Amino acid sequence: MAQQQTGINPEVRPSGDGCVECLAAQGWWVHLRRCAQCGHIGCCDSSPSQHASHHYEDTGHPVIRSFEPREDWFWDFEESRGFLGPELAAPLHHPLDQPTPGPAGAVPDDWQEHVH
């Protein structure tokens, strides 16, 4: 039996379709990341608010997975390395009709001037 990597719970479902904090604040994101331990959906480090990294800082949950269609990579904050990991509970990405950046109607016209 393969050893489970610390910080990954393949059975937990994602918290929703978009960044939890951005949606609550009527903000927007560039790309989405999923906490592999608790399923929290946060925005990437290119996004204005960088909620996925803040989630790691606040909780210590070390691993995220891309929540973008056709991306299956993981990132380990503690080891500063990417890797391919196990299959997680569905859904594996935001809805295909959700724009990137998103969410629809919240992204400013000059969004590229606000990315990191």
PDB file of N, CA and C in Angstrom:
ATOM      1  N   MET A   1       0.845  -1.189   0.000  1.00  0.00           N
ATOM      2  CA  MET A   1       0.000   0.000   0.000  1.00  0.00           C
ATOM      3  C   MET A   1       0.885   1.245   0.000  1.00  0.00           C
ATOM      4  N   ALA A   2       0.589   2.181  -0.876  1.00  0.00           N
ATOM      5  CA  ALA A   2       1.368   3.419  -0.972  1.00  0.00           C
ATOM      6  C   ALA A   2       1.122   4.306   0.238  1.00  0.00           C
ATOM      7  N   GLN A   3       2.155   4.987   0.660  1.00  0.00           N
ATOM      8  CA  GLN A   3       2.038   5.884   1.802  1.00  0.00           C
ATOM      9  C   GLN A   3       1.361   7.179   1.366  1.00  0.00           C
ATOM     10  N   GLN A   4       0.412   7.637   2.173  1.00  0.00           N
ATOM     11  CA  GLN A   4      -0.312   8.882   1.897  1.00  0.00           C
ATOM     12  C   GLN A   4       0.585  10.071   2.232  1.00  0.00           C
ATOM     13  N   GLN A   5       0.639  11.051   1.333  1.00  0.00           N
ATOM     14  CA  GLN A   5       1.424  12.257   1.595  1.00  0.00           C
ATOM     15  C   GLN A   5       0.707  13.111   2.641  1.00  0.00           C
ATOM     16  N   THR A   6       1.465  13.671   3.543  1.00  0.00           N
ATOM     17  CA  THR A   6       0.931  14.586   4.537  1.00  0.00           C
ATOM     18  C   THR A   6       0.262  15.758   3.842  1.00  0.00           C
ATOM     19  N   GLY A   7      -0.923  16.133   4.314  1.00  0.00           N
ATOM     20  CA  GLY A   7      -1.614  17.287   3.763  1.00  0.00           C
ATOM     21  C   GLY A   7      -2.569  16.974   2.637  1.00  0.00           C
ATOM     22  N   ILE A   8      -2.792  15.688   2.348  1.00  0.00           N
ATOM     23  CA  ILE A   8      -3.726  15.315   1.290  1.00  0.00           C
ATOM     24  C   ILE A   8      -4.782  14.371   1.845  1.00  0.00           C
ATOM     25  N   ASN A   9      -6.033  14.759   1.675  1.00  0.00           N
ATOM     26  CA  ASN A   9      -7.163  13.891   2.019  1.00  0.00           C
ATOM     27  C   ASN A   9      -7.966  13.709   0.737  1.00  0.00           C
ATOM     28  N   PRO A  10      -7.795  12.590   0.037  1.00  0.00           N
ATOM     29  CA  PRO A  10      -8.439  12.411  -1.260  1.00  0.00           C
ATOM     30  C   PRO A  10      -9.959  12.300  -1.195  1.00  0.00           C
ATOM     31  N   GLU A  11     -10.521  12.169  -0.011  1.00  0.00           N
ATOM     32  CA  GLU A  11     -11.966  11.993   0.108  1.00  0.00           C
ATOM     33  C   GLU A  11     -12.734  13.296   0.313  1.00  0.00           C
ATOM     34  N   VAL A  12     -12.047  14.371   0.687  1.00  0.00           N
ATOM     35  CA  VAL A  12     -12.742  15.634   0.978  1.00  0.00           C
ATOM     36  C   VAL A  12     -13.102  16.344  -0.325  1.00  0.00           C
ATOM     37  N   ARG A  13     -14.319  16.857  -0.379  1.00  0.00           N
ATOM     38  CA  ARG A  13     -14.804  17.565  -1.569  1.00  0.00           C
ATOM     39  C   ARG A  13     -14.416  19.041  -1.492  1.00  0.00           C
ATOM     40  N   PRO A  14     -14.339  19.719  -2.649  1.00  0.00           N
ATOM     41  CA  PRO A  14     -14.021  21.155  -2.644  1.00  0.00           C
ATOM     42  C   PRO A  14     -15.131  21.966  -1.989  1.00  0.00           C
ATOM     43  N   SER A  15     -14.761  23.122  -1.453  1.00  0.00           N
ATOM     44  CA  SER A  15     -15.707  23.965  -0.706  1.00  0.00           C
ATOM     45  C   SER A  15     -16.719  24.663  -1.596  1.00  0.00           C
ATOM     46  N   GLY A  16     -16.495  24.682  -2.900  1.00  0.00           N
ATOM     47  CA  GLY A  16     -17.422  25.335  -3.817  1.00  0.00           C
ATOM     48  C   GLY A  16     -16.799  25.506  -5.184  1.00  0.00           C
ATOM     49  N   ASP A  17     -17.361  26.423  -5.971  1.00  0.00           N
ATOM     50  CA  ASP A  17     -16.912  26.645  -7.338  1.00  0.00           C
ATOM     51  C   ASP A  17     -15.941  27.802  -7.490  1.00  0.00           C
ATOM     52  N   GLY A  18     -15.759  28.601  -6.434  1.00  0.00           N
ATOM     53  CA  GLY A  18     -14.905  29.773  -6.519  1.00  0.00           C
ATOM     54  C   GLY A  18     -14.200  30.046  -5.212  1.00  0.00           C
ATOM     55  N   CYS A  19     -13.340  31.047  -5.210  1.00  0.00           N
ATOM     56  CA  CYS A  19     -12.595  31.425  -4.006  1.00  0.00           C
ATOM     57  C   CYS A  19     -13.572  31.851  -2.920  1.00  0.00           C
ATOM     58  N   VAL A  20     -13.521  31.172  -1.799  1.00  0.00           N
ATOM     59  CA  VAL A  20     -14.439  31.424  -0.690  1.00  0.00           C
ATOM     60  C   VAL A  20     -14.407  32.888  -0.269  1.00  0.00           C
ATOM     61  N   GLU A  21     -13.218  33.418  -0.034  1.00  0.00           N
ATOM     62  CA  GLU A  21     -13.082  34.784   0.466  1.00  0.00           C
ATOM     63  C   GLU A  21     -13.423  35.829  -0.597  1.00  0.00           C
ATOM     64  N   CYS A  22     -13.010  35.599  -1.843  1.00  0.00           N
ATOM     65  CA  CYS A  22     -13.340  36.555  -2.912  1.00  0.00           C
ATOM     66  C   CYS A  22     -14.850  36.641  -3.116  1.00  0.00           C
ATOM     67  N   LEU A  23     -15.524  35.504  -3.106  1.00  0.00           N
ATOM     68  CA  LEU A  23     -16.975  35.521  -3.281  1.00  0.00           C
ATOM     69  C   LEU A  23     -17.646  36.268  -2.135  1.00  0.00           C
ATOM     70  N   ALA A  24     -17.172  36.066  -0.911  1.00  0.00           N
ATOM     71  CA  ALA A  24     -17.757  36.741   0.246  1.00  0.00           C
ATOM     72  C   ALA A  24     -17.550  38.252   0.182  1.00  0.00           C
ATOM     73  N   ALA A  25     -16.430  38.675  -0.399  1.00  0.00           N
ATOM     74  CA  ALA A  25     -16.089  40.101  -0.461  1.00  0.00           C
ATOM     75  C   ALA A  25     -16.430  40.726  -1.811  1.00  0.00           C
ATOM     76  N   GLN A  26     -17.088  39.970  -2.677  1.00  0.00           N
ATOM     77  CA  GLN A  26     -17.411  40.417  -4.031  1.00  0.00           C
ATOM     78  C   GLN A  26     -16.143  40.785  -4.810  1.00  0.00           C
ATOM     79  N   GLY A  27     -15.095  39.997  -4.586  1.00  0.00           N
ATOM     80  CA  GLY A  27     -13.830  40.191  -5.267  1.00  0.00           C
ATOM     81  C   GLY A  27     -13.727  39.295  -6.491  1.00  0.00           C
ATOM     82  N   TRP A  28     -12.526  39.135  -6.993  1.00  0.00           N
ATOM     83  CA  TRP A  28     -12.297  38.322  -8.182  1.00  0.00           C
ATOM     84  C   TRP A  28     -10.934  37.657  -8.098  1.00  0.00           C
ATOM     85  N   TRP A  29     -10.717  36.696  -8.986  1.00  0.00           N
ATOM     86  CA  TRP A  29      -9.480  35.920  -8.988  1.00  0.00           C
ATOM     87  C   TRP A  29      -8.987  35.692 -10.408  1.00  0.00           C
ATOM     88  N   VAL A  30      -7.709  35.302 -10.499  1.00  0.00           N
ATOM     89  CA  VAL A  30      -7.130  34.922 -11.787  1.00  0.00           C
ATOM     90  C   VAL A  30      -7.324  33.422 -11.992  1.00  0.00           C
ATOM     91  N   HIS A  31      -6.779  32.606 -11.071  1.00  0.00           N
ATOM     92  CA  HIS A  31      -6.947  31.151 -11.115  1.00  0.00           C
ATOM     93  C   HIS A  31      -7.306  30.655  -9.723  1.00  0.00           C
ATOM     94  N   LEU A  32      -7.823  29.448  -9.671  1.00  0.00           N
ATOM     95  CA  LEU A  32      -8.265  28.868  -8.405  1.00  0.00           C
ATOM     96  C   LEU A  32      -7.373  27.708  -7.981  1.00  0.00           C
ATOM     97  N   ARG A  33      -7.218  27.571  -6.657  1.00  0.00           N
ATOM     98  CA  ARG A  33      -6.441  26.494  -6.056  1.00  0.00           C
ATOM     99  C   ARG A  33      -7.291  25.832  -4.973  1.00  0.00           C
ATOM    100  N   ARG A  34      -7.102  24.537  -4.821  1.00  0.00           N
ATOM    101  CA  ARG A  34      -7.875  23.731  -3.870  1.00  0.00           C
ATOM    102  C   ARG A  34      -6.956  23.170  -2.799  1.00  0.00           C
ATOM    103  N   CYS A  35      -7.297  23.396  -1.544  1.00  0.00           N
ATOM    104  CA  CYS A  35      -6.532  22.794  -0.450  1.00  0.00           C
ATOM    105  C   CYS A  35      -6.755  21.290  -0.505  1.00  0.00           C
ATOM    106  N   ALA A  36      -5.676  20.529  -0.600  1.00  0.00           N
ATOM    107  CA  ALA A  36      -5.787  19.076  -0.716  1.00  0.00           C
ATOM    108  C   ALA A  36      -6.123  18.412   0.607  1.00  0.00           C
ATOM    109  N   GLN A  37      -6.103  19.176   1.695  1.00  0.00           N
ATOM    110  CA  GLN A  37      -6.406  18.613   3.012  1.00  0.00           C
ATOM    111  C   GLN A  37      -7.863  18.832   3.401  1.00  0.00           C
ATOM    112  N   CYS A  38      -8.384  20.069   3.196  1.00  0.00           N
ATOM    113  CA  CYS A  38      -9.745  20.365   3.661  1.00  0.00           C
ATOM    114  C   CYS A  38     -10.703  20.770   2.548  1.00  0.00           C
ATOM    115  N   GLY A  39     -10.198  20.963   1.318  1.00  0.00           N
ATOM    116  CA  GLY A  39     -11.048  21.304   0.198  1.00  0.00           C
ATOM    117  C   GLY A  39     -11.302  22.787  -0.006  1.00  0.00           C
ATOM    118  N   HIS A  40     -10.742  23.635   0.839  1.00  0.00           N
ATOM    119  CA  HIS A  40     -10.941  25.085   0.709  1.00  0.00           C
ATOM    120  C   HIS A  40     -10.506  25.554  -0.671  1.00  0.00           C
ATOM    121  N   ILE A  41     -11.358  26.304  -1.361  1.00  0.00           N
ATOM    122  CA  ILE A  41     -11.001  26.882  -2.651  1.00  0.00           C
ATOM    123  C   ILE A  41     -10.562  28.316  -2.411  1.00  0.00           C
ATOM    124  N   GLY A  42      -9.347  28.617  -2.848  1.00  0.00           N
ATOM    125  CA  GLY A  42      -8.788  29.959  -2.724  1.00  0.00           C
ATOM    126  C   GLY A  42      -8.209  30.397  -4.055  1.00  0.00           C
ATOM    127  N   CYS A  43      -7.882  31.674  -4.152  1.00  0.00           N
ATOM    128  CA  CYS A  43      -7.318  32.209  -5.392  1.00  0.00           C
ATOM    129  C   CYS A  43      -5.796  32.096  -5.379  1.00  0.00           C
ATOM    130  N   CYS A  44      -5.222  32.064  -6.573  1.00  0.00           N
ATOM    131  CA  CYS A  44      -3.783  31.861  -6.757  1.00  0.00           C
ATOM    132  C   CYS A  44      -2.966  33.099  -6.368  1.00  0.00           C
ATOM    133  N   ASP A  45      -1.663  32.940  -6.380  1.00  0.00           N
ATOM    134  CA  ASP A  45      -0.771  34.040  -6.010  1.00  0.00           C
ATOM    135  C   ASP A  45      -0.701  35.141  -7.059  1.00  0.00           C
ATOM    136  N   SER A  46      -1.192  34.909  -8.267  1.00  0.00           N
ATOM    137  CA  SER A  46      -1.297  35.981  -9.258  1.00  0.00           C
ATOM    138  C   SER A  46      -2.513  36.853  -8.999  1.00  0.00           C
ATOM    139  N   SER A  47      -3.480  36.335  -8.265  1.00  0.00           N
ATOM    140  CA  SER A  47      -4.711  37.068  -7.944  1.00  0.00           C
ATOM    141  C   SER A  47      -4.425  38.183  -6.950  1.00  0.00           C
ATOM    142  N   PRO A  48      -5.243  39.232  -6.951  1.00  0.00           N
ATOM    143  CA  PRO A  48      -5.001  40.352  -6.032  1.00  0.00           C
ATOM    144  C   PRO A  48      -4.933  39.957  -4.559  1.00  0.00           C
ATOM    145  N   SER A  49      -5.755  39.001  -4.134  1.00  0.00           N
ATOM    146  CA  SER A  49      -5.828  38.697  -2.700  1.00  0.00           C
ATOM    147  C   SER A  49      -5.069  37.459  -2.251  1.00  0.00           C
ATOM    148  N   GLN A  50      -4.644  36.606  -3.140  1.00  0.00           N
ATOM    149  CA  GLN A  50      -3.790  35.453  -2.831  1.00  0.00           C
ATOM    150  C   GLN A  50      -4.319  34.600  -1.672  1.00  0.00           C
ATOM    151  N   HIS A  51      -5.604  34.274  -1.720  1.00  0.00           N
ATOM    152  CA  HIS A  51      -6.238  33.567  -0.607  1.00  0.00           C
ATOM    153  C   HIS A  51      -5.748  32.133  -0.401  1.00  0.00           C
ATOM    154  N   ALA A  52      -5.308  31.436  -1.449  1.00  0.00           N
ATOM    155  CA  ALA A  52      -4.802  30.068  -1.248  1.00  0.00           C
ATOM    156  C   ALA A  52      -3.548  30.078  -0.373  1.00  0.00           C
ATOM    157  N   SER A  53      -2.631  31.007  -0.634  1.00  0.00           N
ATOM    158  CA  SER A  53      -1.427  31.113   0.204  1.00  0.00           C
ATOM    159  C   SER A  53      -1.776  31.540   1.623  1.00  0.00           C
ATOM    160  N   HIS A  54      -2.722  32.450   1.751  1.00  0.00           N
ATOM    161  CA  HIS A  54      -3.143  32.878   3.095  1.00  0.00           C
ATOM    162  C   HIS A  54      -3.788  31.724   3.858  1.00  0.00           C
ATOM    163  N   HIS A  55      -4.514  30.865   3.146  1.00  0.00           N
ATOM    164  CA  HIS A  55      -5.105  29.691   3.796  1.00  0.00           C
ATOM    165  C   HIS A  55      -4.001  28.797   4.367  1.00  0.00           C
ATOM    166  N   TYR A  56      -2.945  28.582   3.594  1.00  0.00           N
ATOM    167  CA  TYR A  56      -1.815  27.807   4.097  1.00  0.00           C
ATOM    168  C   TYR A  56      -1.206  28.476   5.331  1.00  0.00           C
ATOM    169  N   GLU A  57      -0.972  29.777   5.263  1.00  0.00           N
ATOM    170  CA  GLU A  57      -0.382  30.503   6.392  1.00  0.00           C
ATOM    171  C   GLU A  57      -1.264  30.431   7.633  1.00  0.00           C
ATOM    172  N   ASP A  58      -2.583  30.498   7.445  1.00  0.00           N
ATOM    173  CA  ASP A  58      -3.516  30.500   8.569  1.00  0.00           C
ATOM    174  C   ASP A  58      -3.747  29.112   9.169  1.00  0.00           C
ATOM    175  N   THR A  59      -3.696  28.064   8.327  1.00  0.00           N
ATOM    176  CA  THR A  59      -4.069  26.722   8.788  1.00  0.00           C
ATOM    177  C   THR A  59      -2.899  25.755   8.888  1.00  0.00           C
ATOM    178  N   GLY A  60      -1.830  26.025   8.121  1.00  0.00           N
ATOM    179  CA  GLY A  60      -0.732  25.074   8.062  1.00  0.00           C
ATOM    180  C   GLY A  60      -0.994  23.922   7.112  1.00  0.00           C
ATOM    181  N   HIS A  61      -2.105  23.948   6.373  1.00  0.00           N
ATOM    182  CA  HIS A  61      -2.385  22.901   5.385  1.00  0.00           C
ATOM    183  C   HIS A  61      -1.398  23.095   4.231  1.00  0.00           C
ATOM    184  N   PRO A  62      -0.466  22.160   4.035  1.00  0.00           N
ATOM    185  CA  PRO A  62       0.683  22.417   3.173  1.00  0.00           C
ATOM    186  C   PRO A  62       0.504  22.215   1.670  1.00  0.00           C
ATOM    187  N   VAL A  63      -0.553  21.533   1.237  1.00  0.00           N
ATOM    188  CA  VAL A  63      -0.636  21.138  -0.168  1.00  0.00           C
ATOM    189  C   VAL A  63      -1.890  21.694  -0.826  1.00  0.00           C
ATOM    190  N   ILE A  64      -1.706  22.250  -2.030  1.00  0.00           N
ATOM    191  CA  ILE A  64      -2.835  22.678  -2.853  1.00  0.00           C
ATOM    192  C   ILE A  64      -2.782  21.929  -4.174  1.00  0.00           C
ATOM    193  N   ARG A  65      -3.928  21.892  -4.850  1.00  0.00           N
ATOM    194  CA  ARG A  65      -4.015  21.340  -6.202  1.00  0.00           C
ATOM    195  C   ARG A  65      -4.674  22.403  -7.063  1.00  0.00           C
ATOM    196  N   SER A  66      -4.279  22.494  -8.305  1.00  0.00           N
ATOM    197  CA  SER A  66      -4.959  23.414  -9.205  1.00  0.00           C
ATOM    198  C   SER A  66      -6.430  23.038  -9.277  1.00  0.00           C
ATOM    199  N   PHE A  67      -7.296  24.058  -9.341  1.00  0.00           N
ATOM    200  CA  PHE A  67      -8.731  23.837  -9.498  1.00  0.00           C
ATOM    201  C   PHE A  67      -9.176  24.383 -10.850  1.00  0.00           C
ATOM    202  N   GLU A  68      -8.242  24.335 -11.805  1.00  0.00           N
ATOM    203  CA  GLU A  68      -8.487  24.775 -13.174  1.00  0.00           C
ATOM    204  C   GLU A  68      -8.677  23.557 -14.075  1.00  0.00           C
ATOM    205  N   PRO A  69      -9.550  23.668 -15.078  1.00  0.00           N
ATOM    206  CA  PRO A  69      -9.735  22.556 -16.014  1.00  0.00           C
ATOM    207  C   PRO A  69      -8.420  22.179 -16.700  1.00  0.00           C
ATOM    208  N   ARG A  70      -8.223  20.892 -16.912  1.00  0.00           N
ATOM    209  CA  ARG A  70      -7.057  20.335 -17.604  1.00  0.00           C
ATOM    210  C   ARG A  70      -5.738  20.558 -16.864  1.00  0.00           C
ATOM    211  N   GLU A  71      -5.798  20.857 -15.580  1.00  0.00           N
ATOM    212  CA  GLU A  71      -4.580  20.967 -14.757  1.00  0.00           C
ATOM    213  C   GLU A  71      -4.708  20.005 -13.586  1.00  0.00           C
ATOM    214  N   ASP A  72      -3.677  19.175 -13.387  1.00  0.00           N
ATOM    215  CA  ASP A  72      -3.755  18.178 -12.316  1.00  0.00           C
ATOM    216  C   ASP A  72      -2.555  18.217 -11.370  1.00  0.00           C
ATOM    217  N   TRP A  73      -1.838  19.344 -11.362  1.00  0.00           N
ATOM    218  CA  TRP A  73      -0.647  19.455 -10.530  1.00  0.00           C
ATOM    219  C   TRP A  73      -0.985  19.868  -9.087  1.00  0.00           C
ATOM    220  N   PHE A  74      -0.096  19.469  -8.205  1.00  0.00           N
ATOM    221  CA  PHE A  74      -0.150  19.831  -6.785  1.00  0.00           C
ATOM    222  C   PHE A  74       1.048  20.722  -6.481  1.00  0.00           C
ATOM    223  N   TRP A  75       0.960  21.499  -5.399  1.00  0.00           N
ATOM    224  CA  TRP A  75       2.067  22.313  -4.913  1.00  0.00           C
ATOM    225  C   TRP A  75       2.181  22.112  -3.414  1.00  0.00           C
ATOM    226  N   ASP A  76       3.390  21.853  -2.955  1.00  0.00           N
ATOM    227  CA  ASP A  76       3.676  21.706  -1.531  1.00  0.00           C
ATOM    228  C   ASP A  76       4.363  22.983  -1.058  1.00  0.00           C
ATOM    229  N   PHE A  77       3.661  23.772  -0.237  1.00  0.00           N
ATOM    230  CA  PHE A  77       4.218  25.031   0.257  1.00  0.00           C
ATOM    231  C   PHE A  77       5.452  24.808   1.115  1.00  0.00           C
ATOM    232  N   GLU A  78       5.460  23.768   1.950  1.00  0.00           N
ATOM    233  CA  GLU A  78       6.575  23.535   2.864  1.00  0.00           C
ATOM    234  C   GLU A  78       7.853  23.161   2.119  1.00  0.00           C
ATOM    235  N   GLU A  79       7.721  22.404   1.036  1.00  0.00           N
ATOM    236  CA  GLU A  79       8.889  21.960   0.282  1.00  0.00           C
ATOM    237  C   GLU A  79       9.145  22.808  -0.959  1.00  0.00           C
ATOM    238  N   SER A  80       8.253  23.776  -1.225  1.00  0.00           N
ATOM    239  CA  SER A  80       8.355  24.635  -2.414  1.00  0.00           C
ATOM    240  C   SER A  80       8.597  23.817  -3.681  1.00  0.00           C
ATOM    241  N   ARG A  81       7.711  22.850  -3.896  1.00  0.00           N
ATOM    242  CA  ARG A  81       7.853  22.008  -5.079  1.00  0.00           C
ATOM    243  C   ARG A  81       6.490  21.562  -5.581  1.00  0.00           C
ATOM    244  N   GLY A  82       6.420  21.404  -6.880  1.00  0.00           N
ATOM    245  CA  GLY A  82       5.229  20.860  -7.502  1.00  0.00           C
ATOM    246  C   GLY A  82       5.371  19.366  -7.690  1.00  0.00           C
ATOM    247  N   PHE A  83       4.252  18.672  -7.824  1.00  0.00           N
ATOM    248  CA  PHE A  83       4.273  17.233  -8.035  1.00  0.00           C
ATOM    249  C   PHE A  83       2.905  16.788  -8.539  1.00  0.00           C
ATOM    250  N   LEU A  84       2.835  15.571  -9.030  1.00  0.00           N
ATOM    251  CA  LEU A  84       1.563  14.955  -9.390  1.00  0.00           C
ATOM    252  C   LEU A  84       1.145  14.077  -8.232  1.00  0.00           C
ATOM    253  N   GLY A  85      -0.109  14.151  -7.843  1.00  0.00           N
ATOM    254  CA  GLY A  85      -0.576  13.422  -6.678  1.00  0.00           C
ATOM    255  C   GLY A  85      -1.761  12.533  -6.989  1.00  0.00           C
ATOM    256  N   PRO A  86      -2.431  12.091  -5.935  1.00  0.00           N
ATOM    257  CA  PRO A  86      -3.554  11.174  -6.107  1.00  0.00           C
ATOM    258  C   PRO A  86      -4.803  11.882  -6.641  1.00  0.00           C
ATOM    259  N   GLU A  87      -5.711  11.090  -7.119  1.00  0.00           N
ATOM    260  CA  GLU A  87      -7.017  11.605  -7.548  1.00  0.00           C
ATOM    261  C   GLU A  87      -7.761  12.088  -6.310  1.00  0.00           C
ATOM    262  N   LEU A  88      -8.366  13.268  -6.404  1.00  0.00           N
ATOM    263  CA  LEU A  88      -9.155  13.816  -5.303  1.00  0.00           C
ATOM    264  C   LEU A  88     -10.637  13.650  -5.605  1.00  0.00           C
ATOM    265  N   ALA A  89     -11.463  13.860  -4.593  1.00  0.00           N
ATOM    266  CA  ALA A  89     -12.914  13.781  -4.764  1.00  0.00           C
ATOM    267  C   ALA A  89     -13.374  14.844  -5.764  1.00  0.00           C
ATOM    268  N   ALA A  90     -14.342  14.481  -6.566  1.00  0.00           N
ATOM    269  CA  ALA A  90     -14.902  15.407  -7.565  1.00  0.00           C
ATOM    270  C   ALA A  90     -15.714  16.511  -6.904  1.00  0.00           C
ATOM    271  N   PRO A  91     -15.829  17.645  -7.587  1.00  0.00           N
ATOM    272  CA  PRO A  91     -15.268  17.986  -8.888  1.00  0.00           C
ATOM    273  C   PRO A  91     -13.794  18.367  -8.775  1.00  0.00           C
ATOM    274  N   LEU A  92     -13.079  18.177  -9.875  1.00  0.00           N
ATOM    275  CA  LEU A  92     -11.640  18.429  -9.904  1.00  0.00           C
ATOM    276  C   LEU A  92     -11.286  19.818 -10.401  1.00  0.00           C
ATOM    277  N   HIS A  93     -12.275  20.567 -10.871  1.00  0.00           N
ATOM    278  CA  HIS A  93     -12.036  21.919 -11.376  1.00  0.00           C
ATOM    279  C   HIS A  93     -13.334  22.708 -11.293  1.00  0.00           C
ATOM    280  N   HIS A  94     -13.218  24.025 -11.460  1.00  0.00           N
ATOM    281  CA  HIS A  94     -14.407  24.866 -11.477  1.00  0.00           C
ATOM    282  C   HIS A  94     -15.237  24.534 -12.720  1.00  0.00           C
ATOM    283  N   PRO A  95     -16.510  24.935 -12.761  1.00  0.00           N
ATOM    284  CA  PRO A  95     -17.337  24.645 -13.936  1.00  0.00           C
ATOM    285  C   PRO A  95     -16.712  25.203 -15.220  1.00  0.00           C
ATOM    286  N   LEU A  96     -16.845  24.464 -16.303  1.00  0.00           N
ATOM    287  CA  LEU A  96     -16.248  24.870 -17.576  1.00  0.00           C
ATOM    288  C   LEU A  96     -16.810  26.179 -18.096  1.00  0.00           C
ATOM    289  N   ASP A  97     -18.039  26.525 -17.716  1.00  0.00           N
ATOM    290  CA  ASP A  97     -18.622  27.783 -18.195  1.00  0.00           C
ATOM    291  C   ASP A  97     -18.261  28.978 -17.314  1.00  0.00           C
ATOM    292  N   GLN A  98     -17.474  28.737 -16.266  1.00  0.00           N
ATOM    293  CA  GLN A  98     -17.016  29.830 -15.405  1.00  0.00           C
ATOM    294  C   GLN A  98     -15.768  30.449 -16.036  1.00  0.00           C
ATOM    295  N   PRO A  99     -15.768  31.759 -16.274  1.00  0.00           N
ATOM    296  CA  PRO A  99     -14.620  32.364 -16.961  1.00  0.00           C
ATOM    297  C   PRO A  99     -13.361  32.421 -16.086  1.00  0.00           C
ATOM    298  N   THR A 100     -12.238  32.524 -16.762  1.00  0.00           N
ATOM    299  CA  THR A 100     -10.942  32.733 -16.117  1.00  0.00           C
ATOM    300  C   THR A 100     -10.321  33.965 -16.745  1.00  0.00           C
ATOM    301  N   PRO A 101     -10.071  35.030 -15.968  1.00  0.00           N
ATOM    302  CA  PRO A 101     -10.359  35.144 -14.538  1.00  0.00           C
ATOM    303  C   PRO A 101     -11.868  35.203 -14.269  1.00  0.00           C
ATOM    304  N   GLY A 102     -12.214  35.089 -13.011  1.00  0.00           N
ATOM    305  CA  GLY A 102     -13.620  35.052 -12.635  1.00  0.00           C
ATOM    306  C   GLY A 102     -13.832  35.683 -11.281  1.00  0.00           C
ATOM    307  N   PRO A 103     -15.049  35.678 -10.806  1.00  0.00           N
ATOM    308  CA  PRO A 103     -16.247  35.160 -11.460  1.00  0.00           C
ATOM    309  C   PRO A 103     -16.813  36.158 -12.473  1.00  0.00           C
ATOM    310  N   ALA A 104     -17.725  35.674 -13.283  1.00  0.00           N
ATOM    311  CA  ALA A 104     -18.345  36.514 -14.310  1.00  0.00           C
ATOM    312  C   ALA A 104     -18.958  37.748 -13.668  1.00  0.00           C
ATOM    313  N   GLY A 105     -18.701  38.891 -14.273  1.00  0.00           N
ATOM    314  CA  GLY A 105     -19.272  40.146 -13.805  1.00  0.00           C
ATOM    315  C   GLY A 105     -18.491  40.854 -12.717  1.00  0.00           C
ATOM    316  N   ALA A 106     -17.487  40.203 -12.158  1.00  0.00           N
ATOM    317  CA  ALA A 106     -16.731  40.815 -11.058  1.00  0.00           C
ATOM    318  C   ALA A 106     -15.323  41.248 -11.469  1.00  0.00           C
ATOM    319  N   VAL A 107     -14.863  40.827 -12.614  1.00  0.00           N
ATOM    320  CA  VAL A 107     -13.489  41.104 -13.040  1.00  0.00           C
ATOM    321  C   VAL A 107     -13.429  42.474 -13.706  1.00  0.00           C
ATOM    322  N   PRO A 108     -12.553  43.357 -13.217  1.00  0.00           N
ATOM    323  CA  PRO A 108     -12.464  44.688 -13.821  1.00  0.00           C
ATOM    324  C   PRO A 108     -11.855  44.621 -15.223  1.00  0.00           C
ATOM    325  N   ASP A 109     -12.190  45.599 -16.053  1.00  0.00           N
ATOM    326  CA  ASP A 109     -11.653  45.637 -17.409  1.00  0.00           C
ATOM    327  C   ASP A 109     -10.127  45.707 -17.432  1.00  0.00           C
ATOM    328  N   ASP A 110      -9.546  46.344 -16.428  1.00  0.00           N
ATOM    329  CA  ASP A 110      -8.086  46.487 -16.366  1.00  0.00           C
ATOM    330  C   ASP A 110      -7.447  45.424 -15.451  1.00  0.00           C
ATOM    331  N   TRP A 111      -8.037  44.254 -15.385  1.00  0.00           N
ATOM    332  CA  TRP A 111      -7.611  43.213 -14.442  1.00  0.00           C
ATOM    333  C   TRP A 111      -6.124  42.882 -14.549  1.00  0.00           C
ATOM    334  N   GLN A 112      -5.558  42.947 -15.755  1.00  0.00           N
ATOM    335  CA  GLN A 112      -4.151  42.588 -15.924  1.00  0.00           C
ATOM    336  C   GLN A 112      -3.215  43.540 -15.187  1.00  0.00           C
ATOM    337  N   GLU A 113      -3.685  44.732 -14.881  1.00  0.00           N
ATOM    338  CA  GLU A 113      -2.880  45.691 -14.127  1.00  0.00           C
ATOM    339  C   GLU A 113      -2.881  45.397 -12.630  1.00  0.00           C
ATOM    340  N   HIS A 114      -3.699  44.439 -12.188  1.00  0.00           N
ATOM    341  CA  HIS A 114      -3.842  44.137 -10.769  1.00  0.00           C
ATOM    342  C   HIS A 114      -3.258  42.787 -10.370  1.00  0.00           C
ATOM    343  N   VAL A 115      -2.657  42.071 -11.309  1.00  0.00           N
ATOM    344  CA  VAL A 115      -2.118  40.748 -10.987  1.00  0.00           C
ATOM    345  C   VAL A 115      -0.708  40.867 -10.427  1.00  0.00           C
ATOM    346  N   HIS A 116      -0.338  39.848  -9.679  1.00  0.00           N
ATOM    347  CA  HIS A 116       1.003  39.799  -9.067  1.00  0.00           C
ATOM    348  C   HIS A 116       1.927  38.983  -9.921  1.00  0.00           C
TER     349      HIS A 116
END
